[in-house]
Amino acid sequence: MTVMQTKYRPLRSLLAVAAFAVAGTAGAQQTQLNPQAKRISDEAIHADLQSYEATQGRIQALNDGGRPIRDYHLSKAQCWLDVSFHEYTRNDRSAFPQEALTESEKLIVDMENGVSPIPTDTALVNGAKYLRADLWDRLKVIHGTPGFACASQKVACGEVELVHAGNEFNQQQWRHSKPYIQIAEDLVNEAETAARLCGVDPAGPVVAPVAAGPLIANVLFEFDRDGYKDIRTYSLESVDRALATIGNEKRELAGVTLVGHADRMQGNGFDYNQALSERRAKTVRELLIGRGVAADKIRYEYRGDTQQVQQCDGVKPRAALLECLLPNRRVEVRFELAQ
């Protein structure tokens, strides 16, 4: 068994160094990167790269010692290390690379010392903004299911990526956090699939089959628009993936719930946004019927601007604010599967 593949972000291949076990490293956290001001010499950068390599070696040693790649804490230590190294190579001048590295090492030390149970909380390092409460909530639900045994790697890395996105939001706002939000959203979807199939996939751990949870997709709309042509085309891919999954798994679709939403730009509680969110839900209903979903299986509701998943406080100018608020202009599609 080898250390987990760095596949969540292309730049993570930079961390695919020749890992080695480091003797005498179990103990208090002590790995310190050079301060940003000193990262101007080959010697300082080489020393920091050695620190990353040594930390990677400790993760490798834990894996070699029998802790499986799918282990939640091993996965989380790896993902903290990955995002730390990613931002270090991007010359992040904040405390994020150091604090993310420290989170990785805390987990490594606990695993090396046989601590049980190891906490599962996720620190918002460097004061990272708490983004996308909906994604955090979906990950929390998986923690409490038998399927967590199969989904733990995806859950761990999804949590870390949400923190990474929150850090980028604080530093350079929505434009820079958006790619990491997308990575996190993909990981959440993959985690839910892994949890749902737990006990079915022969390559995964053997656990009791779990009840089928819903498949969730979000259809996103342009500002103040509700027609089919106003949908962000790429967001339809999540709907098509969900329908393909149902077919591939030979599952029966019990029903579909559509929940329409609007962003906050018209003012909280305005009847306008209620009506807008209803029209969006109706548009997605017709879209699903066109894709072969029986009309009598679809129900819809609408929430207006009462459930914002992304706040975007302080984002300027207006064009950037509207783009940041895009996740709020959604119809949540919940495909319920028969038990």
C-alpha atoms as a PDB file:
ATOM      1  CA  MET A   1       0.000   0.000   0.000  1.00  0.00           C
ATOM      2  CA  THR A   2       1.370   3.424  -0.888  1.00  0.00           C
ATOM      3  CA  VAL A   3       0.682   6.870   0.438  1.00  0.00           C
ATOM      4  CA  MET A   4      -2.525   8.355  -0.958  1.00  0.00           C
ATOM      5  CA  GLN A   5      -2.487   9.766  -4.433  1.00  0.00           C
ATOM      6  CA  THR A   6      -2.554  13.549  -4.697  1.00  0.00           C
ATOM      7  CA  LYS A   7      -5.477  13.822  -7.077  1.00  0.00           C
ATOM      8  CA  TYR A   8      -7.730  16.547  -5.764  1.00  0.00           C
ATOM      9  CA  ARG A   9      -5.777  19.385  -7.349  1.00  0.00           C
ATOM     10  CA  PRO A  10      -3.219  19.212 -10.172  1.00  0.00           C
ATOM     11  CA  LEU A  11      -0.687  21.295  -8.259  1.00  0.00           C
ATOM     12  CA  ARG A  12      -0.642  18.683  -5.526  1.00  0.00           C
ATOM     13  CA  SER A  13       1.665  16.657  -7.739  1.00  0.00           C
ATOM     14  CA  LEU A  14       4.339  19.057  -6.513  1.00  0.00           C
ATOM     15  CA  LEU A  15       4.194  17.232  -3.192  1.00  0.00           C
ATOM     16  CA  ALA A  16       4.823  13.825  -4.738  1.00  0.00           C
ATOM     17  CA  VAL A  17       8.354  13.813  -3.367  1.00  0.00           C
ATOM     18  CA  ALA A  18      10.341  10.740  -2.386  1.00  0.00           C
ATOM     19  CA  ALA A  19       8.815  10.183   1.044  1.00  0.00           C
ATOM     20  CA  PHE A  20      10.842   8.703   3.869  1.00  0.00           C
ATOM     21  CA  ALA A  21      10.227   7.852   7.532  1.00  0.00           C
ATOM     22  CA  VAL A  22      11.839  10.257   9.967  1.00  0.00           C
ATOM     23  CA  ALA A  23      13.141   8.777  13.190  1.00  0.00           C
ATOM     24  CA  GLY A  24      12.366  10.404  16.511  1.00  0.00           C
ATOM     25  CA  THR A  25       9.671  12.752  15.209  1.00  0.00           C
ATOM     26  CA  ALA A  26       6.789  11.619  17.387  1.00  0.00           C
ATOM     27  CA  GLY A  27       6.132  14.218  20.035  1.00  0.00           C
ATOM     28  CA  ALA A  28       5.134  17.832  20.311  1.00  0.00           C
ATOM     29  CA  GLN A  29       4.499  19.855  17.161  1.00  0.00           C
ATOM     30  CA  GLN A  30       7.721  21.602  16.261  1.00  0.00           C
ATOM     31  CA  THR A  31       7.911  21.964  12.493  1.00  0.00           C
ATOM     32  CA  GLN A  32       8.333  25.633  11.703  1.00  0.00           C
ATOM     33  CA  LEU A  33       8.606  27.148   8.256  1.00  0.00           C
ATOM     34  CA  ASN A  34      10.892  30.096   7.727  1.00  0.00           C
ATOM     35  CA  PRO A  35       9.145  33.455   8.108  1.00  0.00           C
ATOM     36  CA  GLN A  36       7.982  34.916   4.805  1.00  0.00           C
ATOM     37  CA  ALA A  37      10.676  37.605   4.924  1.00  0.00           C
ATOM     38  CA  LYS A  38      13.392  34.937   4.954  1.00  0.00           C
ATOM     39  CA  ARG A  39      12.006  32.914   2.041  1.00  0.00           C
ATOM     40  CA  ILE A  40      14.285  34.674  -0.388  1.00  0.00           C
ATOM     41  CA  SER A  41      17.312  32.407  -0.330  1.00  0.00           C
ATOM     42  CA  ASP A  42      17.812  28.953  -1.751  1.00  0.00           C
ATOM     43  CA  GLU A  43      18.892  27.783   1.680  1.00  0.00           C
ATOM     44  CA  ALA A  44      15.689  28.916   3.403  1.00  0.00           C
ATOM     45  CA  ILE A  45      13.440  27.454   0.715  1.00  0.00           C
ATOM     46  CA  HIS A  46      15.394  24.194   0.717  1.00  0.00           C
ATOM     47  CA  ALA A  47      14.994  23.949   4.498  1.00  0.00           C
ATOM     48  CA  ASP A  48      11.233  24.447   4.201  1.00  0.00           C
ATOM     49  CA  LEU A  49      10.978  21.829   1.461  1.00  0.00           C
ATOM     50  CA  GLN A  50      12.831  19.425   3.711  1.00  0.00           C
ATOM     51  CA  SER A  51      10.248  20.123   6.422  1.00  0.00           C
ATOM     52  CA  TYR A  52       7.443  19.283   4.013  1.00  0.00           C
ATOM     53  CA  GLU A  53       9.256  16.150   2.883  1.00  0.00           C
ATOM     54  CA  ALA A  54       9.818  15.049   6.467  1.00  0.00           C
ATOM     55  CA  THR A  55       6.124  15.546   7.288  1.00  0.00           C
ATOM     56  CA  GLN A  56       5.164  13.576   4.198  1.00  0.00           C
ATOM     57  CA  GLY A  57       7.519  10.849   5.392  1.00  0.00           C
ATOM     58  CA  ARG A  58       5.725  10.636   8.721  1.00  0.00           C
ATOM     59  CA  ILE A  59       2.400  10.180   6.926  1.00  0.00           C
ATOM     60  CA  GLN A  60       4.007   7.490   4.775  1.00  0.00           C
ATOM     61  CA  ALA A  61       5.354   5.761   7.883  1.00  0.00           C
ATOM     62  CA  LEU A  62       1.870   5.693   9.448  1.00  0.00           C
ATOM     63  CA  ASN A  63       0.483   4.195   6.257  1.00  0.00           C
ATOM     64  CA  ASP A  64       3.315   1.650   6.097  1.00  0.00           C
ATOM     65  CA  GLY A  65       2.602   0.805   9.729  1.00  0.00           C
ATOM     66  CA  GLY A  66      -0.945  -0.275   8.944  1.00  0.00           C
ATOM     67  CA  ARG A  67      -3.142   2.834   9.031  1.00  0.00           C
ATOM     68  CA  PRO A  68      -5.123   2.627   5.781  1.00  0.00           C
ATOM     69  CA  ILE A  69      -5.309   5.371   3.198  1.00  0.00           C
ATOM     70  CA  ARG A  70      -9.075   5.649   3.720  1.00  0.00           C
ATOM     71  CA  ASP A  71      -8.579   6.483   7.420  1.00  0.00           C
ATOM     72  CA  TYR A  72     -10.204   9.841   8.185  1.00  0.00           C
ATOM     73  CA  HIS A  73      -7.341  11.271  10.221  1.00  0.00           C
ATOM     74  CA  LEU A  74      -4.596  10.086   7.890  1.00  0.00           C
ATOM     75  CA  SER A  75      -6.516  11.583   4.960  1.00  0.00           C
ATOM     76  CA  LYS A  76      -7.008  14.836   6.809  1.00  0.00           C
ATOM     77  CA  ALA A  77      -3.327  15.079   7.747  1.00  0.00           C
ATOM     78  CA  GLN A  78      -2.449  14.563   4.074  1.00  0.00           C
ATOM     79  CA  CYS A  79      -4.925  17.173   2.875  1.00  0.00           C
ATOM     80  CA  TRP A  80      -3.758  19.763   5.411  1.00  0.00           C
ATOM     81  CA  LEU A  81      -0.214  19.119   4.241  1.00  0.00           C
ATOM     82  CA  ASP A  82      -1.266  19.443   0.603  1.00  0.00           C
ATOM     83  CA  VAL A  83      -3.045  22.783   0.994  1.00  0.00           C
ATOM     84  CA  SER A  84      -0.165  24.132   3.081  1.00  0.00           C
ATOM     85  CA  PHE A  85       2.349  23.207   0.405  1.00  0.00           C
ATOM     86  CA  HIS A  86       0.074  24.495  -2.363  1.00  0.00           C
ATOM     87  CA  GLU A  87      -0.127  27.940  -0.779  1.00  0.00           C
ATOM     88  CA  TYR A  88       3.571  27.934   0.116  1.00  0.00           C
ATOM     89  CA  THR A  89       4.442  27.414  -3.555  1.00  0.00           C
ATOM     90  CA  ARG A  90       2.058  30.266  -4.456  1.00  0.00           C
ATOM     91  CA  ASN A  91       4.024  32.546  -2.137  1.00  0.00           C
ATOM     92  CA  ASP A  92       1.138  33.008   0.302  1.00  0.00           C
ATOM     93  CA  ARG A  93       2.459  35.631   2.711  1.00  0.00           C
ATOM     94  CA  SER A  94      -0.124  34.929   5.403  1.00  0.00           C
ATOM     95  CA  ALA A  95       0.054  32.490   8.310  1.00  0.00           C
ATOM     96  CA  PHE A  96      -1.987  29.938   6.360  1.00  0.00           C
ATOM     97  CA  PRO A  97       0.872  27.661   5.161  1.00  0.00           C
ATOM     98  CA  GLN A  98       2.272  27.388   8.684  1.00  0.00           C
ATOM     99  CA  GLU A  99      -1.082  26.919  10.419  1.00  0.00           C
ATOM    100  CA  ALA A 100      -2.265  24.300   7.914  1.00  0.00           C
ATOM    101  CA  LEU A 101       1.039  22.453   8.322  1.00  0.00           C
ATOM    102  CA  THR A 102       0.591  22.573  12.086  1.00  0.00           C
ATOM    103  CA  GLU A 103      -2.910  21.058  11.771  1.00  0.00           C
ATOM    104  CA  SER A 104      -1.401  18.217   9.740  1.00  0.00           C
ATOM    105  CA  GLU A 105       1.281  17.639  12.347  1.00  0.00           C
ATOM    106  CA  LYS A 106      -1.181  17.669  15.245  1.00  0.00           C
ATOM    107  CA  LEU A 107      -3.014  14.767  13.655  1.00  0.00           C
ATOM    108  CA  ILE A 108       0.236  12.974  12.861  1.00  0.00           C
ATOM    109  CA  VAL A 109       1.417  13.252  16.461  1.00  0.00           C
ATOM    110  CA  ASP A 110      -1.893  11.892  17.780  1.00  0.00           C
ATOM    111  CA  MET A 111      -1.725   8.955  15.377  1.00  0.00           C
ATOM    112  CA  GLU A 112       1.931   8.260  16.196  1.00  0.00           C
ATOM    113  CA  ASN A 113       1.113   8.275  19.912  1.00  0.00           C
ATOM    114  CA  GLY A 114      -1.967   6.075  19.587  1.00  0.00           C
ATOM    115  CA  VAL A 115      -4.389   8.719  20.848  1.00  0.00           C
ATOM    116  CA  SER A 116      -8.014   7.573  20.766  1.00  0.00           C
ATOM    117  CA  PRO A 117     -10.381   9.080  20.015  1.00  0.00           C
ATOM    118  CA  ILE A 118      -8.735  11.759  17.873  1.00  0.00           C
ATOM    119  CA  PRO A 119     -10.928  14.867  17.531  1.00  0.00           C
ATOM    120  CA  THR A 120     -12.748  15.356  14.235  1.00  0.00           C
ATOM    121  CA  ASP A 121     -13.235  19.118  14.450  1.00  0.00           C
ATOM    122  CA  THR A 122     -11.837  21.293  11.654  1.00  0.00           C
ATOM    123  CA  ALA A 123     -10.033  24.504  12.560  1.00  0.00           C
ATOM    124  CA  LEU A 124     -10.685  27.650  10.533  1.00  0.00           C
ATOM    125  CA  VAL A 125      -6.965  28.335  10.338  1.00  0.00           C
ATOM    126  CA  ASN A 126      -5.681  31.860   9.744  1.00  0.00           C
ATOM    127  CA  GLY A 127      -9.181  33.156  10.499  1.00  0.00           C
ATOM    128  CA  ALA A 128     -10.623  31.544   7.355  1.00  0.00           C
ATOM    129  CA  LYS A 129     -14.160  32.619   6.568  1.00  0.00           C
ATOM    130  CA  TYR A 130     -16.855  29.999   7.139  1.00  0.00           C
ATOM    131  CA  LEU A 131     -18.213  29.529   3.630  1.00  0.00           C
ATOM    132  CA  ARG A 132     -21.025  27.338   2.310  1.00  0.00           C
ATOM    133  CA  ALA A 133     -22.781  26.175   5.460  1.00  0.00           C
ATOM    134  CA  ASP A 134     -24.817  23.839   3.246  1.00  0.00           C
ATOM    135  CA  LEU A 135     -21.697  21.864   2.293  1.00  0.00           C
ATOM    136  CA  TRP A 136     -20.493  21.735   5.900  1.00  0.00           C
ATOM    137  CA  ASP A 137     -23.906  20.411   6.951  1.00  0.00           C
ATOM    138  CA  ARG A 138     -23.863  17.683   4.302  1.00  0.00           C
ATOM    139  CA  LEU A 139     -20.426  16.546   5.499  1.00  0.00           C
ATOM    140  CA  LYS A 140     -21.599  16.509   9.128  1.00  0.00           C
ATOM    141  CA  VAL A 141     -24.480  14.217   8.194  1.00  0.00           C
ATOM    142  CA  ILE A 142     -22.068  11.689   6.673  1.00  0.00           C
ATOM    143  CA  HIS A 143     -20.050  11.623   9.903  1.00  0.00           C
ATOM    144  CA  GLY A 144     -23.027  10.071  11.651  1.00  0.00           C
ATOM    145  CA  THR A 145     -23.736   7.260   9.182  1.00  0.00           C
ATOM    146  CA  PRO A 146     -22.325   3.722   8.785  1.00  0.00           C
ATOM    147  CA  GLY A 147     -21.269   4.794   5.291  1.00  0.00           C
ATOM    148  CA  PHE A 148     -18.671   7.113   6.812  1.00  0.00           C
ATOM    149  CA  ALA A 149     -16.296   4.127   6.787  1.00  0.00           C
ATOM    150  CA  CYS A 150     -16.261   4.325   2.984  1.00  0.00           C
ATOM    151  CA  ALA A 151     -16.522   8.115   2.621  1.00  0.00           C
ATOM    152  CA  SER A 152     -14.040   9.272   5.270  1.00  0.00           C
ATOM    153  CA  GLN A 153     -11.248  10.231   2.873  1.00  0.00           C
ATOM    154  CA  LYS A 154     -13.537  12.438   0.787  1.00  0.00           C
ATOM    155  CA  VAL A 155     -15.125  13.940   3.905  1.00  0.00           C
ATOM    156  CA  ALA A 156     -11.760  14.841   5.427  1.00  0.00           C
ATOM    157  CA  CYS A 157     -10.467  16.509   2.284  1.00  0.00           C
ATOM    158  CA  GLY A 158     -13.780  18.279   1.673  1.00  0.00           C
ATOM    159  CA  GLU A 159     -13.565  19.880   5.110  1.00  0.00           C
ATOM    160  CA  VAL A 160      -9.995  21.031   4.510  1.00  0.00           C
ATOM    161  CA  GLU A 161     -10.863  22.452   1.092  1.00  0.00           C
ATOM    162  CA  LEU A 162     -13.698  24.483   2.587  1.00  0.00           C
ATOM    163  CA  VAL A 163     -11.201  26.042   4.995  1.00  0.00           C
ATOM    164  CA  HIS A 164      -8.807  26.627   2.109  1.00  0.00           C
ATOM    165  CA  ALA A 165     -11.586  28.396   0.198  1.00  0.00           C
ATOM    166  CA  GLY A 166     -12.407  30.519   3.243  1.00  0.00           C
ATOM    167  CA  ASN A 167      -8.787  31.583   3.533  1.00  0.00           C
ATOM    168  CA  GLU A 168      -8.673  32.572  -0.125  1.00  0.00           C
ATOM    169  CA  PHE A 169     -11.904  34.516   0.298  1.00  0.00           C
ATOM    170  CA  ASN A 170     -10.386  36.562   3.106  1.00  0.00           C
ATOM    171  CA  GLN A 171      -7.290  37.319   1.079  1.00  0.00           C
ATOM    172  CA  GLN A 172      -8.609  37.916  -2.426  1.00  0.00           C
ATOM    173  CA  GLN A 173     -12.370  37.450  -2.197  1.00  0.00           C
ATOM    174  CA  TRP A 174     -14.642  35.352  -4.331  1.00  0.00           C
ATOM    175  CA  ARG A 175     -12.636  35.118  -7.559  1.00  0.00           C
ATOM    176  CA  HIS A 176      -9.829  33.253  -5.809  1.00  0.00           C
ATOM    177  CA  SER A 177     -11.962  31.131  -3.486  1.00  0.00           C
ATOM    178  CA  LYS A 178     -14.310  29.886  -6.201  1.00  0.00           C
ATOM    179  CA  PRO A 179     -12.050  27.080  -7.565  1.00  0.00           C
ATOM    180  CA  TYR A 180     -11.589  25.625  -4.085  1.00  0.00           C
ATOM    181  CA  ILE A 181     -15.312  25.814  -3.366  1.00  0.00           C
ATOM    182  CA  GLN A 182     -15.838  23.778  -6.527  1.00  0.00           C
ATOM    183  CA  ILE A 183     -13.269  21.213  -5.374  1.00  0.00           C
ATOM    184  CA  ALA A 184     -15.055  20.993  -2.018  1.00  0.00           C
ATOM    185  CA  GLU A 185     -18.455  20.619  -3.665  1.00  0.00           C
ATOM    186  CA  ASP A 186     -17.154  17.789  -5.843  1.00  0.00           C
ATOM    187  CA  LEU A 187     -15.702  16.066  -2.781  1.00  0.00           C
ATOM    188  CA  VAL A 188     -19.026  16.368  -0.919  1.00  0.00           C
ATOM    189  CA  ASN A 189     -20.864  14.774  -3.836  1.00  0.00           C
ATOM    190  CA  GLU A 190     -18.273  11.997  -4.064  1.00  0.00           C
ATOM    191  CA  ALA A 191     -18.457  11.433  -0.298  1.00  0.00           C
ATOM    192  CA  GLU A 192     -22.238  11.075  -0.401  1.00  0.00           C
ATOM    193  CA  THR A 193     -21.958   8.571  -3.236  1.00  0.00           C
ATOM    194  CA  ALA A 194     -19.305   6.579  -1.382  1.00  0.00           C
ATOM    195  CA  ALA A 195     -21.418   6.534   1.785  1.00  0.00           C
ATOM    196  CA  ARG A 196     -24.511   5.462  -0.135  1.00  0.00           C
ATOM    197  CA  LEU A 197     -22.691   2.579  -1.833  1.00  0.00           C
ATOM    198  CA  CYS A 198     -20.906   1.434   1.319  1.00  0.00           C
ATOM    199  CA  GLY A 199     -21.254  -2.311   1.659  1.00  0.00           C
ATOM    200  CA  VAL A 200     -21.864  -2.629  -2.079  1.00  0.00           C
ATOM    201  CA  ASP A 201     -18.465  -1.660  -3.520  1.00  0.00           C
ATOM    202  CA  PRO A 202     -16.228  -4.753  -3.309  1.00  0.00           C
ATOM    203  CA  ALA A 203     -13.116  -2.566  -3.185  1.00  0.00           C
ATOM    204  CA  GLY A 204     -14.295  -0.749  -0.063  1.00  0.00           C
ATOM    205  CA  PRO A 205     -14.428  -1.851   3.564  1.00  0.00           C
ATOM    206  CA  VAL A 206     -17.027  -4.471   4.443  1.00  0.00           C
ATOM    207  CA  VAL A 207     -19.803  -2.832   6.417  1.00  0.00           C
ATOM    208  CA  ALA A 208     -23.542  -3.260   6.543  1.00  0.00           C
ATOM    209  CA  PRO A 209     -25.346  -1.676   3.605  1.00  0.00           C
ATOM    210  CA  VAL A 210     -26.788   1.707   4.471  1.00  0.00           C
ATOM    211  CA  ALA A 211     -30.059   3.326   3.550  1.00  0.00           C
ATOM    212  CA  ALA A 212     -29.937   5.267   0.314  1.00  0.00           C
ATOM    213  CA  GLY A 213     -29.664   8.981   0.892  1.00  0.00           C
ATOM    214  CA  PRO A 214     -30.779  11.558  -1.678  1.00  0.00           C
ATOM    215  CA  LEU A 215     -28.649  12.655  -4.588  1.00  0.00           C
ATOM    216  CA  ILE A 216     -28.332  16.431  -4.503  1.00  0.00           C
ATOM    217  CA  ALA A 217     -27.710  18.769  -7.412  1.00  0.00           C
ATOM    218  CA  ASN A 218     -27.921  22.556  -7.640  1.00  0.00           C
ATOM    219  CA  VAL A 219     -29.112  24.366 -10.754  1.00  0.00           C
ATOM    220  CA  LEU A 220     -27.775  27.933 -10.819  1.00  0.00           C
ATOM    221  CA  PHE A 221     -29.389  30.977 -12.432  1.00  0.00           C
ATOM    222  CA  GLU A 222     -28.163  34.341 -13.642  1.00  0.00           C
ATOM    223  CA  PHE A 223     -29.106  37.366 -11.546  1.00  0.00           C
ATOM    224  CA  ASP A 224     -32.824  38.206 -11.585  1.00  0.00           C
ATOM    225  CA  ARG A 225     -33.513  35.529 -14.192  1.00  0.00           C
ATOM    226  CA  ASP A 226     -35.591  32.350 -14.109  1.00  0.00           C
ATOM    227  CA  GLY A 227     -35.767  30.868 -17.627  1.00  0.00           C
ATOM    228  CA  TYR A 228     -34.082  27.808 -19.110  1.00  0.00           C
ATOM    229  CA  LYS A 229     -31.657  29.990 -21.084  1.00  0.00           C
ATOM    230  CA  ASP A 230     -30.709  31.768 -17.845  1.00  0.00           C
ATOM    231  CA  ILE A 231     -29.264  28.626 -16.239  1.00  0.00           C
ATOM    232  CA  ARG A 232     -25.502  28.323 -15.892  1.00  0.00           C
ATOM    233  CA  THR A 233     -24.927  25.460 -18.297  1.00  0.00           C
ATOM    234  CA  TYR A 234     -22.256  23.749 -16.221  1.00  0.00           C
ATOM    235  CA  SER A 235     -24.629  23.440 -13.275  1.00  0.00           C
ATOM    236  CA  LEU A 236     -26.838  21.130 -15.355  1.00  0.00           C
ATOM    237  CA  GLU A 237     -23.976  18.627 -15.373  1.00  0.00           C
ATOM    238  CA  SER A 238     -24.709  17.817 -11.728  1.00  0.00           C
ATOM    239  CA  VAL A 239     -28.321  16.984 -12.637  1.00  0.00           C
ATOM    240  CA  ASP A 240     -27.219  14.766 -15.499  1.00  0.00           C
ATOM    241  CA  ARG A 241     -24.632  13.037 -13.302  1.00  0.00           C
ATOM    242  CA  ALA A 242     -27.306  12.296 -10.700  1.00  0.00           C
ATOM    243  CA  LEU A 243     -29.654  10.847 -13.302  1.00  0.00           C
ATOM    244  CA  ALA A 244     -26.815   8.784 -14.763  1.00  0.00           C
ATOM    245  CA  THR A 245     -25.926   7.496 -11.297  1.00  0.00           C
ATOM    246  CA  ILE A 246     -29.500   6.365 -10.696  1.00  0.00           C
ATOM    247  CA  GLY A 247     -29.436   4.482 -13.977  1.00  0.00           C
ATOM    248  CA  ASN A 248     -25.975   2.982 -13.472  1.00  0.00           C
ATOM    249  CA  GLU A 249     -26.827   1.799  -9.962  1.00  0.00           C
ATOM    250  CA  LYS A 250     -30.180   0.484 -11.193  1.00  0.00           C
ATOM    251  CA  ARG A 251     -31.970   2.383  -8.459  1.00  0.00           C
ATOM    252  CA  GLU A 252     -35.626   3.336  -8.399  1.00  0.00           C
ATOM    253  CA  LEU A 253     -36.407   7.034  -8.204  1.00  0.00           C
ATOM    254  CA  ALA A 254     -38.958   7.518  -5.450  1.00  0.00           C
ATOM    255  CA  GLY A 255     -39.429  11.227  -6.036  1.00  0.00           C
ATOM    256  CA  VAL A 256     -37.769  14.577  -6.644  1.00  0.00           C
ATOM    257  CA  THR A 257     -38.017  17.632  -4.421  1.00  0.00           C
ATOM    258  CA  LEU A 258     -37.134  21.010  -5.918  1.00  0.00           C
ATOM    259  CA  VAL A 259     -36.424  23.955  -3.624  1.00  0.00           C
ATOM    260  CA  GLY A 260     -36.176  27.332  -5.329  1.00  0.00           C
ATOM    261  CA  HIS A 261     -34.007  30.118  -3.931  1.00  0.00           C
ATOM    262  CA  ALA A 262     -33.004  33.696  -4.713  1.00  0.00           C
ATOM    263  CA  ASP A 263     -30.095  35.858  -3.620  1.00  0.00           C
ATOM    264  CA  ARG A 264     -30.484  38.762  -1.206  1.00  0.00           C
ATOM    265  CA  MET A 265     -30.151  41.613  -3.696  1.00  0.00           C
ATOM    266  CA  GLN A 266     -33.818  42.565  -3.700  1.00  0.00           C
ATOM    267  CA  GLY A 267     -33.931  42.721   0.100  1.00  0.00           C
ATOM    268  CA  ASN A 268     -34.707  40.051   2.685  1.00  0.00           C
ATOM    269  CA  GLY A 269     -38.324  38.946   2.758  1.00  0.00           C
ATOM    270  CA  PHE A 270     -39.456  40.734  -0.396  1.00  0.00           C
ATOM    271  CA  ASP A 271     -42.361  39.081  -2.207  1.00  0.00           C
ATOM    272  CA  TYR A 272     -40.400  39.622  -5.406  1.00  0.00           C
ATOM    273  CA  ASN A 273     -37.741  37.100  -4.403  1.00  0.00           C
ATOM    274  CA  GLN A 274     -40.357  34.598  -3.288  1.00  0.00           C
ATOM    275  CA  ALA A 275     -41.977  34.705  -6.704  1.00  0.00           C
ATOM    276  CA  LEU A 276     -38.591  34.570  -8.449  1.00  0.00           C
ATOM    277  CA  SER A 277     -37.583  31.452  -6.542  1.00  0.00           C
ATOM    278  CA  GLU A 278     -40.906  29.802  -7.412  1.00  0.00           C
ATOM    279  CA  ARG A 279     -40.453  30.526 -11.124  1.00  0.00           C
ATOM    280  CA  ARG A 280     -36.981  29.001 -10.991  1.00  0.00           C
ATOM    281  CA  ALA A 281     -38.343  25.842  -9.373  1.00  0.00           C
ATOM    282  CA  LYS A 282     -41.002  25.569 -12.081  1.00  0.00           C
ATOM    283  CA  THR A 283     -38.345  25.952 -14.787  1.00  0.00           C
ATOM    284  CA  VAL A 284     -36.310  23.101 -13.334  1.00  0.00           C
ATOM    285  CA  ARG A 285     -39.461  20.994 -13.024  1.00  0.00           C
ATOM    286  CA  GLU A 286     -40.030  21.315 -16.785  1.00  0.00           C
ATOM    287  CA  LEU A 287     -36.357  20.602 -17.406  1.00  0.00           C
ATOM    288  CA  LEU A 288     -36.578  17.317 -15.472  1.00  0.00           C
ATOM    289  CA  ILE A 289     -39.737  16.274 -17.265  1.00  0.00           C
ATOM    290  CA  GLY A 290     -37.877  16.875 -20.511  1.00  0.00           C
ATOM    291  CA  ARG A 291     -35.166  14.523 -19.247  1.00  0.00           C
ATOM    292  CA  GLY A 292     -37.657  11.736 -18.667  1.00  0.00           C
ATOM    293  CA  VAL A 293     -38.606  12.204 -14.998  1.00  0.00           C
ATOM    294  CA  ALA A 294     -42.296  11.517 -14.449  1.00  0.00           C
ATOM    295  CA  ALA A 295     -44.215  14.682 -13.605  1.00  0.00           C
ATOM    296  CA  ASP A 296     -46.085  13.001 -10.737  1.00  0.00           C
ATOM    297  CA  LYS A 297     -42.778  12.265  -8.989  1.00  0.00           C
ATOM    298  CA  ILE A 298     -41.779  15.942  -8.834  1.00  0.00           C
ATOM    299  CA  ARG A 299     -42.807  18.348  -6.107  1.00  0.00           C
ATOM    300  CA  TYR A 300     -41.481  21.836  -5.575  1.00  0.00           C
ATOM    301  CA  GLU A 301     -41.305  24.525  -2.938  1.00  0.00           C
ATOM    302  CA  TYR A 302     -39.652  27.912  -2.760  1.00  0.00           C
ATOM    303  CA  ARG A 303     -37.839  29.878  -0.081  1.00  0.00           C
ATOM    304  CA  GLY A 304     -37.073  33.268  -1.641  1.00  0.00           C
ATOM    305  CA  ASP A 305     -33.952  34.787  -0.088  1.00  0.00           C
ATOM    306  CA  THR A 306     -34.423  33.228   3.359  1.00  0.00           C
ATOM    307  CA  GLN A 307     -31.688  30.562   3.007  1.00  0.00           C
ATOM    308  CA  GLN A 308     -28.474  32.149   1.790  1.00  0.00           C
ATOM    309  CA  VAL A 309     -25.593  29.680   1.574  1.00  0.00           C
ATOM    310  CA  GLN A 310     -23.047  32.373   0.724  1.00  0.00           C
ATOM    311  CA  GLN A 311     -23.066  35.815   2.332  1.00  0.00           C
ATOM    312  CA  CYS A 312     -20.369  37.709   0.364  1.00  0.00           C
ATOM    313  CA  ASP A 313     -20.169  40.504   2.934  1.00  0.00           C
ATOM    314  CA  GLY A 314     -17.934  43.337   1.772  1.00  0.00           C
ATOM    315  CA  VAL A 315     -17.485  42.040  -1.778  1.00  0.00           C
ATOM    316  CA  LYS A 316     -17.153  44.873  -4.309  1.00  0.00           C
ATOM    317  CA  PRO A 317     -17.731  45.994  -7.056  1.00  0.00           C
ATOM    318  CA  ARG A 318     -21.294  45.003  -7.903  1.00  0.00           C
ATOM    319  CA  ALA A 319     -20.302  42.602 -10.693  1.00  0.00           C
ATOM    320  CA  ALA A 320     -18.063  40.705  -8.274  1.00  0.00           C
ATOM    321  CA  LEU A 321     -20.823  40.678  -5.660  1.00  0.00           C
ATOM    322  CA  LEU A 322     -23.349  39.220  -8.088  1.00  0.00           C
ATOM    323  CA  GLU A 323     -20.913  36.496  -9.082  1.00  0.00           C
ATOM    324  CA  CYS A 324     -20.161  35.725  -5.443  1.00  0.00           C
ATOM    325  CA  LEU A 325     -23.885  35.406  -4.698  1.00  0.00           C
ATOM    326  CA  LEU A 326     -24.396  32.899  -7.529  1.00  0.00           C
ATOM    327  CA  PRO A 327     -24.753  29.831  -5.212  1.00  0.00           C
ATOM    328  CA  ASN A 328     -27.783  31.528  -3.637  1.00  0.00           C
ATOM    329  CA  ARG A 329     -29.560  31.788  -7.005  1.00  0.00           C
ATOM    330  CA  ARG A 330     -30.252  28.099  -7.111  1.00  0.00           C
ATOM    331  CA  VAL A 331     -32.806  25.374  -7.287  1.00  0.00           C
ATOM    332  CA  GLU A 332     -31.772  22.521  -5.045  1.00  0.00           C
ATOM    333  CA  VAL A 333     -32.710  19.229  -6.670  1.00  0.00           C
ATOM    334  CA  ARG A 334     -33.068  16.305  -4.269  1.00  0.00           C
ATOM    335  CA  PHE A 335     -33.409  12.930  -5.995  1.00  0.00           C
ATOM    336  CA  GLU A 336     -34.948  10.579  -3.418  1.00  0.00           C
ATOM    337  CA  LEU A 337     -34.159   6.916  -3.982  1.00  0.00           C
ATOM    338  CA  ALA A 338     -36.435   4.016  -3.094  1.00  0.00           C
ATOM    339  CA  GLN A 339     -35.190   1.921  -0.165  1.00  0.00           C
END
